[in-house]
Amino acid sequence: MSRFGLVALVLLLPVSVEAADYKAPVSEIMSAATTNWQDMGTDSHTPPPYTDYFSEDFLARLYSKDFVAKYKEAAKYPAYDDGGSPFDYDPIIGGQDGCALKDITVTEGQPAGGAEDVTVTFDNSHCFGERAADWEPEKLVFKVIDEDGRAVINDIERPSFEEAASLKKELQEIAQEGANGGSGTAEENPE
């Protein structure tokens, strides 16, 4: 075979380019949320083991460097005196109370410039009884980027929250309030 023939053959062979799996980190977070909010299914009032969306493992694998920096800065001002999270609610499901998640849908956008929006909707209020006629499922828009060759979450927008509630913006506000003398923790009971 001539050199020209080899070059042509090489050009015709499929090129294996590994594209970032933008859905992967979102799926892992939503799997944790589903486990955290599962029905207990027994007479026990013991909740299932909680998976921290911001554990050291998740921070190292699922989030962008910028997100991690903002989270760690906000975590200096925990919501409760015993430390832990800067949030006093579940920032994925959007509250302190909820039902087991159902009707979860994950929709990928079109990747562009090393980024993609992955939209997730779910119902976490079906167990509360009758709902308003204009009820809609909870919606999250994960801003996923390609960083160092892997897909990571750079932000989470929550359109049903006030001002679309960017999670990174909320982290920045917690850190700023804490740095300006706010405790970032729940107020102590005066008793």
Protein backbone atom coordinates (compact mmCIF):
# COMPACT_ATOMS: atom_id res chain seq x y z
CA MET A 1 0.00 0.00 0.00
CA SER A 2 1.36 3.42 -0.83
CA ARG A 3 1.99 6.12 1.73
CA PHE A 4 -0.87 8.09 0.22
CA GLY A 5 -3.13 5.08 0.78
CA LEU A 6 -2.05 4.79 4.45
CA VAL A 7 -2.64 8.50 5.05
CA ALA A 8 -6.08 8.23 3.45
CA LEU A 9 -6.90 5.16 5.55
CA VAL A 10 -5.85 6.89 8.75
CA LEU A 11 -8.00 9.89 7.91
CA LEU A 12 -11.03 7.69 7.28
CA LEU A 13 -10.76 5.78 10.56
CA PRO A 14 -13.01 7.11 13.29
CA VAL A 15 -11.19 9.41 15.61
CA SER A 16 -11.71 8.58 19.26
CA VAL A 17 -12.16 11.89 21.00
CA GLU A 18 -13.40 11.58 24.53
CA ALA A 19 -16.06 14.21 25.06
CA ALA A 20 -16.83 15.41 28.55
CA ASP A 21 -19.86 13.66 30.07
CA TYR A 22 -21.63 16.78 31.29
CA LYS A 23 -24.48 14.75 32.74
CA ALA A 24 -22.26 12.60 35.02
CA PRO A 25 -21.69 15.01 37.94
CA VAL A 26 -25.35 16.07 37.86
CA SER A 27 -26.49 12.44 37.96
CA GLU A 28 -24.30 11.81 40.98
CA ILE A 29 -25.73 14.80 42.88
CA MET A 30 -29.29 13.85 41.98
CA SER A 31 -28.65 10.26 43.04
CA ALA A 32 -27.50 11.58 46.43
CA ALA A 33 -30.61 13.79 46.68
CA THR A 34 -32.86 10.84 45.81
CA THR A 35 -31.21 8.74 48.52
CA ASN A 36 -31.35 11.58 51.06
CA TRP A 37 -35.07 12.09 50.50
CA GLN A 38 -36.21 8.48 50.02
CA ASP A 39 -39.23 7.23 51.90
CA MET A 40 -38.09 5.27 54.91
CA GLY A 41 -40.47 2.44 54.05
CA THR A 42 -40.52 1.09 57.60
CA ASP A 43 -42.03 1.98 60.93
CA SER A 44 -38.64 3.28 61.99
CA HIS A 45 -38.26 7.02 62.26
CA THR A 46 -34.56 6.71 61.57
CA PRO A 47 -33.69 8.62 58.42
CA PRO A 48 -31.47 7.02 55.79
CA PRO A 49 -27.75 7.83 55.91
CA TYR A 50 -27.26 11.36 54.58
CA THR A 51 -24.97 11.95 51.60
CA ASP A 52 -23.36 15.39 51.83
CA TYR A 53 -23.50 17.14 48.45
CA PHE A 54 -20.35 19.01 49.48
CA SER A 55 -18.26 16.23 51.03
CA GLU A 56 -14.51 16.44 50.42
CA ASP A 57 -14.86 13.64 47.86
CA PHE A 58 -17.66 15.41 45.96
CA LEU A 59 -15.87 18.77 46.13
CA ALA A 60 -12.74 17.20 44.66
CA ARG A 61 -14.54 15.34 41.87
CA LEU A 62 -17.83 17.04 40.97
CA TYR A 63 -17.32 20.79 41.30
CA SER A 64 -15.18 23.42 39.59
CA LYS A 65 -12.21 24.97 41.35
CA ASP A 66 -14.06 28.31 41.53
CA PHE A 67 -17.14 26.68 43.07
CA VAL A 68 -15.00 24.80 45.61
CA ALA A 69 -13.20 28.02 46.61
CA LYS A 70 -16.52 29.80 47.14
CA TYR A 71 -17.96 26.87 49.08
CA LYS A 72 -14.93 26.62 51.36
CA GLU A 73 -15.04 30.36 52.05
CA ALA A 74 -18.76 30.20 52.94
CA ALA A 75 -18.20 27.05 55.04
CA LYS A 76 -16.12 29.17 57.44
CA TYR A 77 -19.51 30.53 58.54
CA PRO A 78 -21.70 27.47 59.23
CA ALA A 79 -25.46 27.86 59.54
CA TYR A 80 -25.48 26.17 62.94
CA ASP A 81 -23.21 26.43 65.96
CA ASP A 82 -22.12 22.80 65.72
CA GLY A 83 -20.38 23.53 62.40
CA GLY A 84 -20.88 21.87 59.08
CA SER A 85 -22.74 23.33 56.18
CA PRO A 86 -23.19 27.04 55.48
CA PHE A 87 -26.79 26.20 54.53
CA ASP A 88 -29.71 25.80 56.92
CA TYR A 89 -31.71 23.95 54.27
CA ASP A 90 -31.11 21.42 51.51
CA PRO A 91 -29.89 23.59 48.61
CA ILE A 92 -30.65 20.90 46.03
CA ILE A 93 -34.30 20.20 46.84
CA GLY A 94 -34.86 23.78 47.96
CA GLY A 95 -36.12 23.37 51.50
CA GLN A 96 -36.00 21.71 54.87
CA ASP A 97 -39.01 19.50 54.23
CA GLY A 98 -39.88 17.41 51.25
CA CYS A 99 -41.16 14.16 49.90
CA ALA A 100 -39.27 11.38 48.22
CA LEU A 101 -38.24 12.69 44.81
CA LYS A 102 -40.28 11.46 41.88
CA ASP A 103 -40.71 12.26 38.20
CA ILE A 104 -37.06 13.23 37.87
CA THR A 105 -36.08 14.34 34.37
CA VAL A 106 -32.61 15.30 33.22
CA THR A 107 -32.24 17.27 29.99
CA GLU A 108 -28.92 18.17 28.46
CA GLY A 109 -28.43 21.35 26.48
CA GLN A 110 -26.01 21.75 23.61
CA PRO A 111 -22.35 21.82 24.66
CA ALA A 112 -20.68 25.05 23.59
CA GLY A 113 -17.23 26.33 24.43
CA GLY A 114 -16.53 23.64 27.01
CA ALA A 115 -19.77 24.24 28.90
CA GLU A 116 -23.30 22.86 28.97
CA ASP A 117 -26.49 23.48 30.92
CA VAL A 118 -28.03 20.32 32.36
CA THR A 119 -31.61 20.92 33.52
CA VAL A 120 -33.24 18.73 36.14
CA THR A 121 -36.89 18.80 37.17
CA PHE A 122 -38.52 16.76 39.93
CA ASP A 123 -41.51 16.60 42.22
CA ASN A 124 -40.66 16.80 45.91
CA SER A 125 -44.02 18.03 47.22
CA HIS A 126 -46.44 15.29 46.13
CA CYS A 127 -46.91 14.08 49.71
CA PHE A 128 -48.10 17.46 51.02
CA GLY A 129 -51.63 17.10 49.67
CA GLU A 130 -53.45 19.39 47.30
CA ARG A 131 -51.36 21.89 45.35
CA ALA A 132 -52.03 25.19 43.65
CA ALA A 133 -53.37 25.04 40.09
CA ASP A 134 -50.19 26.71 38.81
CA TRP A 135 -47.87 24.21 40.56
CA GLU A 136 -44.78 23.24 38.62
CA PRO A 137 -42.01 20.77 39.42
CA GLU A 138 -38.84 22.01 41.08
CA LYS A 139 -36.26 23.00 38.46
CA LEU A 140 -32.48 23.17 38.71
CA VAL A 141 -30.09 24.29 35.97
CA PHE A 142 -26.62 22.87 36.54
CA LYS A 143 -23.94 24.95 34.84
CA VAL A 144 -21.41 22.28 33.91
CA ILE A 145 -18.00 23.08 32.46
CA ASP A 146 -15.03 21.13 31.16
CA GLU A 147 -12.16 21.79 33.56
CA ASP A 148 -8.86 19.96 33.26
CA GLY A 149 -10.47 17.42 30.92
CA ARG A 150 -13.45 16.51 33.09
CA ALA A 151 -17.00 17.77 33.46
CA VAL A 152 -17.62 19.62 36.74
CA ILE A 153 -20.46 21.69 38.18
CA ASN A 154 -19.61 25.39 38.14
CA ASP A 155 -22.94 26.65 39.49
CA ILE A 156 -26.52 25.60 40.13
CA GLU A 157 -29.32 27.99 39.24
CA ARG A 158 -32.66 27.46 40.93
CA PRO A 159 -35.24 29.37 38.83
CA SER A 160 -38.06 28.89 41.34
CA PHE A 161 -35.98 30.65 43.99
CA GLU A 162 -35.79 34.41 44.33
CA GLU A 163 -33.65 35.99 41.59
CA ALA A 164 -33.00 32.52 40.08
CA ALA A 165 -30.83 31.90 43.17
CA SER A 166 -27.40 31.07 41.83
CA LEU A 167 -25.84 28.76 44.41
CA LYS A 168 -22.42 30.38 43.88
CA LYS A 169 -23.95 33.81 44.46
CA GLU A 170 -25.53 32.55 47.68
CA LEU A 171 -22.17 31.15 48.80
CA GLN A 172 -20.53 34.52 48.12
CA GLU A 173 -23.23 36.31 50.13
CA ILE A 174 -22.80 33.93 53.08
CA ALA A 175 -19.02 34.46 53.03
CA GLN A 176 -19.37 38.24 52.70
CA GLU A 177 -21.90 38.44 55.54
CA GLY A 178 -19.69 36.28 57.74
CA ALA A 179 -16.57 38.31 56.94
CA ASN A 180 -18.44 41.54 57.73
CA GLY A 181 -19.22 40.40 61.25
CA GLY A 182 -22.34 38.37 60.60
CA SER A 183 -21.99 34.99 62.20
CA GLY A 184 -23.34 33.04 59.27
CA THR A 185 -24.93 30.81 61.89
CA ALA A 186 -28.46 30.50 63.12
CA GLU A 187 -29.24 32.96 65.90
CA GLU A 188 -28.82 31.55 69.35
CA ASN A 189 -31.84 30.92 71.47
CA PRO A 190 -31.92 33.67 74.16
CA GLU A 191 -33.12 31.21 76.83
